[in-house]
Amino acid sequence: MGERGGSLAGTLERAAAAHEGEVAGALAALVALVEPALILAMGGVVLILVAAILLPLFELNALVR
């Protein structure tokens, strides 16, 4: 269509802009889904680290009594 009318470059630019908008929207949706999962994963790592530090301390406290 653009080739016949002599406006192939303009047609391709519009198609590229539309595709770029679709990709940007899909990427934003992906980031919106992944971000909470990463926050939960980091919270789990922190929980494991705290438990690894505190549980031996509690066991030592129980041995002293």
Foldseek 3Di string as FASTA:
>chain_A
DCVVVVNPVVVVVVVVVVVVVVVVVVVVVVCVVVVVVVVVVVVVVVVVVVCVPVVVVVVVVVVVD
